[in-house]
C-alpha cells in the first residue's frame, strides 16, 4: 500500500509505502469470471482471513483485530 498515487504503475516509490502484506497464492477449481473478495472475521483467538479470487487464482492472508 502506498500513499502516493501512481495511476500507470510505473513510478512506484518504496519510500512512500505504508506497509506490505504477504499473500499465499494457489490455483483453485471453479474459475471465477470476475474479481471476488471474501472476508472471514476473526473469532476468539483464531485469526480471520482475506481472500481474493480471480479466474482460477486465489490469494490469501490472515487478519487479526487490533485495538
PDB file of N, CA and C in Angstrom:
ATOM      1  N   UNK A   1       0.848  -1.167   0.000  1.00  0.00           N
ATOM      2  CA  UNK A   1       0.000   0.000   0.000  1.00  0.00           C
ATOM      3  C   UNK A   1       0.894   1.230   0.000  1.00  0.00           C
ATOM      4  N   UNK A   2       0.517   2.199  -0.776  1.00  0.00           N
ATOM      5  CA  UNK A   2       1.336   3.373  -0.948  1.00  0.00           C
ATOM      6  C   UNK A   2       0.433   4.601  -0.922  1.00  0.00           C
ATOM      7  N   UNK A   3       0.852   5.644  -0.238  1.00  0.00           N
ATOM      8  CA  UNK A   3       0.026   6.845  -0.157  1.00  0.00           C
ATOM      9  C   UNK A   3       0.376   7.873  -1.227  1.00  0.00           C
ATOM     10  N   UNK A   4       1.167   7.479  -2.206  1.00  0.00           N
ATOM     11  CA  UNK A   4       1.500   8.336  -3.335  1.00  0.00           C
ATOM     12  C   UNK A   4       0.848   7.753  -4.582  1.00  0.00           C
ATOM     13  N   UNK A   5      -0.099   8.453  -5.218  1.00  0.00           N
ATOM     14  CA  UNK A   5      -0.787   7.888  -6.377  1.00  0.00           C
ATOM     15  C   UNK A   5       0.181   7.556  -7.519  1.00  0.00           C
ATOM     16  N   UNK A   6      -0.078   6.446  -8.173  1.00  0.00           N
ATOM     17  CA  UNK A   6       0.704   6.011  -9.338  1.00  0.00           C
ATOM     18  C   UNK A   6      -0.266   5.328 -10.287  1.00  0.00           C
ATOM     19  N   UNK A   7      -0.951   6.096 -11.088  1.00  0.00           N
ATOM     20  CA  UNK A   7      -2.023   5.598 -11.930  1.00  0.00           C
ATOM     21  C   UNK A   7      -1.542   4.515 -12.889  1.00  0.00           C
ATOM     22  N   UNK A   8      -0.370   4.662 -13.478  1.00  0.00           N
ATOM     23  CA  UNK A   8       0.086   3.741 -14.514  1.00  0.00           C
ATOM     24  C   UNK A   8       0.904   2.583 -13.956  1.00  0.00           C
ATOM     25  N   UNK A   9       1.286   2.637 -12.699  1.00  0.00           N
ATOM     26  CA  UNK A   9       2.070   1.555 -12.115  1.00  0.00           C
ATOM     27  C   UNK A   9       3.526   1.566 -12.533  1.00  0.00           C
ATOM     28  N   UNK A  10       4.007   2.703 -12.995  1.00  0.00           N
ATOM     29  CA  UNK A  10       5.383   2.781 -13.483  1.00  0.00           C
ATOM     30  C   UNK A  10       6.283   3.653 -12.618  1.00  0.00           C
ATOM     31  N   UNK A  11       5.720   4.295 -11.598  1.00  0.00           N
ATOM     32  CA  UNK A  11       6.500   5.245 -10.805  1.00  0.00           C
ATOM     33  C   UNK A  11       6.504   4.874  -9.317  1.00  0.00           C
ATOM     34  N   UNK A  12       6.532   3.588  -8.996  1.00  0.00           N
ATOM     35  CA  UNK A  12       6.488   3.148  -7.603  1.00  0.00           C
ATOM     36  C   UNK A  12       7.702   3.670  -6.834  1.00  0.00           C
ATOM     37  N   UNK A  13       7.444   4.322  -5.707  1.00  0.00           N
ATOM     38  CA  UNK A  13       8.499   4.828  -4.831  1.00  0.00           C
ATOM     39  C   UNK A  13       8.386   4.093  -3.507  1.00  0.00           C
ATOM     40  N   UNK A  14       9.260   3.107  -3.229  1.00  0.00           N
ATOM     41  CA  UNK A  14       9.182   2.333  -1.991  1.00  0.00           C
ATOM     42  C   UNK A  14       9.247   3.184  -0.732  1.00  0.00           C
ATOM     43  N   UNK A  15       9.837   4.365  -0.804  1.00  0.00           N
ATOM     44  CA  UNK A  15       9.912   5.242   0.370  1.00  0.00           C
ATOM     45  C   UNK A  15       8.527   5.732   0.790  1.00  0.00           C
ATOM     46  N   UNK A  16       7.554   5.682  -0.101  1.00  0.00           N
ATOM     47  CA  UNK A  16       6.189   6.142   0.198  1.00  0.00           C
ATOM     48  C   UNK A  16       5.275   5.006   0.650  1.00  0.00           C
ATOM     49  N   UNK A  17       5.791   3.774   0.713  1.00  0.00           N
ATOM     50  CA  UNK A  17       4.970   2.635   1.122  1.00  0.00           C
ATOM     51  C   UNK A  17       4.538   2.763   2.581  1.00  0.00           C
ATOM     52  N   UNK A  18       3.294   2.424   2.837  1.00  0.00           N
ATOM     53  CA  UNK A  18       2.765   2.427   4.205  1.00  0.00           C
ATOM     54  C   UNK A  18       2.911   1.058   4.856  1.00  0.00           C
ATOM     55  N   UNK A  19       2.897   0.017   4.074  1.00  0.00           N
ATOM     56  CA  UNK A  19       3.015  -1.332   4.606  1.00  0.00           C
ATOM     57  C   UNK A  19       2.976  -2.342   3.490  1.00  0.00           C
ATOM     58  N   UNK A  20       3.182  -3.597   3.871  1.00  0.00           N
ATOM     59  CA  UNK A  20       3.182  -4.680   2.910  1.00  0.00           C
ATOM     60  C   UNK A  20       2.677  -5.930   3.606  1.00  0.00           C
ATOM     61  N   UNK A  21       1.871  -6.707   2.916  1.00  0.00           N
ATOM     62  CA  UNK A  21       1.320  -7.933   3.486  1.00  0.00           C
ATOM     63  C   UNK A  21       1.616  -9.098   2.560  1.00  0.00           C
ATOM     64  N   UNK A  22       2.239 -10.152   3.076  1.00  0.00           N
ATOM     65  CA  UNK A  22       2.480 -11.314   2.237  1.00  0.00           C
ATOM     66  C   UNK A  22       1.178 -12.045   1.936  1.00  0.00           C
ATOM     67  N   UNK A  23       1.029 -12.524   0.707  1.00  0.00           N
ATOM     68  CA  UNK A  23      -0.152 -13.271   0.290  1.00  0.00           C
ATOM     69  C   UNK A  23       0.258 -14.665  -0.156  1.00  0.00           C
ATOM     70  N   UNK A  24      -0.515 -15.666   0.234  1.00  0.00           N
ATOM     71  CA  UNK A  24      -0.306 -17.028  -0.256  1.00  0.00           C
ATOM     72  C   UNK A  24      -1.079 -17.163  -1.566  1.00  0.00           C
ATOM     73  N   UNK A  25      -0.456 -17.738  -2.578  1.00  0.00           N
ATOM     74  CA  UNK A  25      -1.112 -17.913  -3.869  1.00  0.00           C
ATOM     75  C   UNK A  25      -1.365 -19.391  -4.118  1.00  0.00           C
ATOM     76  N   UNK A  26      -2.530 -19.691  -4.682  1.00  0.00           N
ATOM     77  CA  UNK A  26      -2.836 -21.062  -5.079  1.00  0.00           C
ATOM     78  C   UNK A  26      -3.761 -21.043  -6.288  1.00  0.00           C
ATOM     79  N   UNK A  27      -3.811 -22.174  -6.974  1.00  0.00           N
ATOM     80  CA  UNK A  27      -4.721 -22.361  -8.099  1.00  0.00           C
ATOM     81  C   UNK A  27      -5.886 -23.192  -7.572  1.00  0.00           C
ATOM     82  N   UNK A  28      -7.115 -22.755  -7.852  1.00  0.00           N
ATOM     83  CA  UNK A  28      -8.303 -23.435  -7.333  1.00  0.00           C
ATOM     84  C   UNK A  28      -9.224 -23.857  -8.483  1.00  0.00           C
ATOM     85  N   UNK A  29     -10.041 -24.855  -8.224  1.00  0.00           N
ATOM     86  CA  UNK A  29     -11.050 -25.287  -9.192  1.00  0.00           C
ATOM     87  C   UNK A  29     -12.198 -24.286  -9.204  1.00  0.00           C
ATOM     88  N   UNK A  30     -12.921 -24.226 -10.292  1.00  0.00           N
ATOM     89  CA  UNK A  30     -14.092 -23.361 -10.367  1.00  0.00           C
ATOM     90  C   UNK A  30     -13.719 -21.914 -10.623  1.00  0.00           C
ATOM     91  N   UNK A  31     -13.122 -21.645 -11.760  1.00  0.00           N
ATOM     92  CA  UNK A  31     -12.677 -20.294 -12.099  1.00  0.00           C
ATOM     93  C   UNK A  31     -13.817 -19.285 -11.991  1.00  0.00           C
ATOM     94  N   UNK A  32     -13.492 -18.117 -11.479  1.00  0.00           N
ATOM     95  CA  UNK A  32     -14.470 -17.026 -11.358  1.00  0.00           C
ATOM     96  C   UNK A  32     -14.199 -16.013 -12.468  1.00  0.00           C
ATOM     97  N   UNK A  33     -15.260 -15.517 -13.077  1.00  0.00           N
ATOM     98  CA  UNK A  33     -15.093 -14.607 -14.207  1.00  0.00           C
ATOM     99  C   UNK A  33     -14.836 -13.168 -13.775  1.00  0.00           C
ATOM    100  N   UNK A  34     -15.027 -12.863 -12.499  1.00  0.00           N
ATOM    101  CA  UNK A  34     -14.761 -11.513 -12.022  1.00  0.00           C
ATOM    102  C   UNK A  34     -13.994 -11.586 -10.704  1.00  0.00           C
ATOM    103  N   UNK A  35     -13.381 -10.489 -10.340  1.00  0.00           N
ATOM    104  CA  UNK A  35     -12.652 -10.409  -9.078  1.00  0.00           C
ATOM    105  C   UNK A  35     -13.630 -10.545  -7.925  1.00  0.00           C
ATOM    106  N   UNK A  36     -13.323 -11.451  -6.988  1.00  0.00           N
ATOM    107  CA  UNK A  36     -14.152 -11.665  -5.807  1.00  0.00           C
ATOM    108  C   UNK A  36     -13.285 -11.509  -4.572  1.00  0.00           C
ATOM    109  N   UNK A  37     -13.783 -10.793  -3.572  1.00  0.00           N
ATOM    110  CA  UNK A  37     -13.070 -10.595  -2.320  1.00  0.00           C
ATOM    111  C   UNK A  37     -13.918 -11.166  -1.201  1.00  0.00           C
ATOM    112  N   UNK A  38     -13.361 -12.113  -0.452  1.00  0.00           N
ATOM    113  CA  UNK A  38     -14.052 -12.724   0.684  1.00  0.00           C
ATOM    114  C   UNK A  38     -13.316 -12.337   1.965  1.00  0.00           C
ATOM    115  N   UNK A  39     -14.076 -11.985   2.994  1.00  0.00           N
ATOM    116  CA  UNK A  39     -13.503 -11.637   4.294  1.00  0.00           C
ATOM    117  C   UNK A  39     -14.130 -12.525   5.355  1.00  0.00           C
ATOM    118  N   UNK A  40     -13.287 -13.219   6.106  1.00  0.00           N
ATOM    119  CA  UNK A  40     -13.738 -14.007   7.248  1.00  0.00           C
ATOM    120  C   UNK A  40     -13.258 -13.266   8.495  1.00  0.00           C
ATOM    121  N   UNK A  41     -14.164 -12.773   9.331  1.00  0.00           N
ATOM    122  CA  UNK A  41     -13.727 -12.031  10.515  1.00  0.00           C
ATOM    123  C   UNK A  41     -13.062 -12.948  11.538  1.00  0.00           C
ATOM    124  N   UNK A  42     -12.144 -12.400  12.343  1.00  0.00           N
ATOM    125  CA  UNK A  42     -11.530 -13.190  13.405  1.00  0.00           C
ATOM    126  C   UNK A  42     -12.580 -13.622  14.425  1.00  0.00           C
ATOM    127  N   UNK A  43     -12.399 -14.820  14.989  1.00  0.00           N
ATOM    128  CA  UNK A  43     -13.287 -15.314  16.034  1.00  0.00           C
ATOM    129  C   UNK A  43     -12.451 -15.781  17.209  1.00  0.00           C
ATOM    130  N   UNK A  44     -12.692 -15.208  18.371  1.00  0.00           N
ATOM    131  CA  UNK A  44     -11.919 -15.586  19.544  1.00  0.00           C
ATOM    132  C   UNK A  44     -10.445 -15.327  19.315  1.00  0.00           C
ATOM    133  N   UNK A  45      -9.623 -16.352  19.558  1.00  0.00           N
ATOM    134  CA  UNK A  45      -8.177 -16.232  19.350  1.00  0.00           C
ATOM    135  C   UNK A  45      -7.754 -16.580  17.929  1.00  0.00           C
ATOM    136  N   UNK A  46      -8.692 -17.103  17.133  1.00  0.00           N
ATOM    137  CA  UNK A  46      -8.361 -17.504  15.761  1.00  0.00           C
ATOM    138  C   UNK A  46      -8.349 -16.283  14.843  1.00  0.00           C
ATOM    139  N   UNK A  47      -7.341 -16.174  13.969  1.00  0.00           N
ATOM    140  CA  UNK A  47      -7.319 -15.044  13.034  1.00  0.00           C
ATOM    141  C   UNK A  47      -8.382 -15.198  11.957  1.00  0.00           C
ATOM    142  N   UNK A  48      -8.756 -14.100  11.356  1.00  0.00           N
ATOM    143  CA  UNK A  48      -9.656 -14.124  10.215  1.00  0.00           C
ATOM    144  C   UNK A  48      -8.845 -14.268   8.940  1.00  0.00           C
ATOM    145  N   UNK A  49      -9.506 -14.099   7.814  1.00  0.00           N
ATOM    146  CA  UNK A  49      -8.812 -14.244   6.532  1.00  0.00           C
ATOM    147  C   UNK A  49      -9.357 -13.259   5.515  1.00  0.00           C
ATOM    148  N   UNK A  50      -8.502 -12.857   4.624  1.00  0.00           N
ATOM    149  CA  UNK A  50      -8.864 -12.049   3.468  1.00  0.00           C
ATOM    150  C   UNK A  50      -8.457 -12.864   2.253  1.00  0.00           C
ATOM    151  N   UNK A  51      -9.418 -13.142   1.366  1.00  0.00           N
ATOM    152  CA  UNK A  51      -9.144 -13.928   0.169  1.00  0.00           C
ATOM    153  C   UNK A  51      -9.577 -13.160  -1.069  1.00  0.00           C
ATOM    154  N   UNK A  52      -8.723 -13.178  -2.069  1.00  0.00           N
ATOM    155  CA  UNK A  52      -9.009 -12.565  -3.365  1.00  0.00           C
ATOM    156  C   UNK A  52      -9.027 -13.671  -4.398  1.00  0.00           C
ATOM    157  N   UNK A  53     -10.075 -13.729  -5.196  1.00  0.00           N
ATOM    158  CA  UNK A  53     -10.208 -14.733  -6.252  1.00  0.00           C
ATOM    159  C   UNK A  53     -10.316 -14.016  -7.591  1.00  0.00           C
ATOM    160  N   UNK A  54      -9.598 -14.538  -8.578  1.00  0.00           N
ATOM    161  CA  UNK A  54      -9.724 -14.025  -9.941  1.00  0.00           C
ATOM    162  C   UNK A  54      -9.348 -15.146 -10.884  1.00  0.00           C
ATOM    163  N   UNK A  55     -10.291 -15.548 -11.712  1.00  0.00           N
ATOM    164  CA  UNK A  55     -10.065 -16.704 -12.568  1.00  0.00           C
ATOM    165  C   UNK A  55      -9.857 -17.922 -11.698  1.00  0.00           C
ATOM    166  N   UNK A  56      -8.803 -18.657 -11.949  1.00  0.00           N
ATOM    167  CA  UNK A  56      -8.505 -19.840 -11.140  1.00  0.00           C
ATOM    168  C   UNK A  56      -7.508 -19.535 -10.017  1.00  0.00           C
ATOM    169  N   UNK A  57      -7.198 -18.273  -9.826  1.00  0.00           N
ATOM    170  CA  UNK A  57      -6.205 -17.869  -8.825  1.00  0.00           C
ATOM    171  C   UNK A  57      -6.862 -17.453  -7.510  1.00  0.00           C
ATOM    172  N   UNK A  58      -6.191 -17.815  -6.421  1.00  0.00           N
ATOM    173  CA  UNK A  58      -6.631 -17.377  -5.090  1.00  0.00           C
ATOM    174  C   UNK A  58      -5.415 -16.838  -4.355  1.00  0.00           C
ATOM    175  N   UNK A  59      -5.569 -15.646  -3.759  1.00  0.00           N
ATOM    176  CA  UNK A  59      -4.561 -15.078  -2.877  1.00  0.00           C
ATOM    177  C   UNK A  59      -5.194 -14.958  -1.497  1.00  0.00           C
ATOM    178  N   UNK A  60      -4.441 -15.328  -0.448  1.00  0.00           N
ATOM    179  CA  UNK A  60      -4.993 -15.370   0.896  1.00  0.00           C
ATOM    180  C   UNK A  60      -3.994 -14.852   1.911  1.00  0.00           C
ATOM    181  N   UNK A  61      -4.508 -14.159   2.917  1.00  0.00           N
ATOM    182  CA  UNK A  61      -3.696 -13.754   4.057  1.00  0.00           C
ATOM    183  C   UNK A  61      -4.570 -13.776   5.301  1.00  0.00           C
ATOM    184  N   UNK A  62      -3.948 -13.909   6.460  1.00  0.00           N
ATOM    185  CA  UNK A  62      -4.706 -13.886   7.705  1.00  0.00           C
ATOM    186  C   UNK A  62      -4.769 -12.464   8.235  1.00  0.00           C
ATOM    187  N   UNK A  63      -5.815 -12.178   8.987  1.00  0.00           N
ATOM    188  CA  UNK A  63      -6.008 -10.873   9.599  1.00  0.00           C
ATOM    189  C   UNK A  63      -6.400 -11.063  11.062  1.00  0.00           C
ATOM    190  N   UNK A  64      -5.987 -10.127  11.886  1.00  0.00           N
ATOM    191  CA  UNK A  64      -6.361 -10.134  13.296  1.00  0.00           C
ATOM    192  C   UNK A  64      -6.908  -8.775  13.674  1.00  0.00           C
ATOM    193  N   UNK A  65      -7.709  -8.751  14.695  1.00  0.00           N
ATOM    194  CA  UNK A  65      -8.259  -7.487  15.181  1.00  0.00           C
ATOM    195  C   UNK A  65      -7.225  -6.787  16.041  1.00  0.00           C
ATOM    196  N   UNK A  66      -7.188  -5.481  15.960  1.00  0.00           N
ATOM    197  CA  UNK A  66      -6.304  -4.710  16.830  1.00  0.00           C
ATOM    198  C   UNK A  66      -7.142  -3.695  17.583  1.00  0.00           C
ATOM    199  N   UNK A  67      -6.597  -3.236  18.637  1.00  0.00           N
ATOM    200  CA  UNK A  67      -7.352  -2.216  19.364  1.00  0.00           C
ATOM    201  C   UNK A  67      -7.341  -2.467  20.769  1.00  0.00           C
TER     202      UNK A  67
END
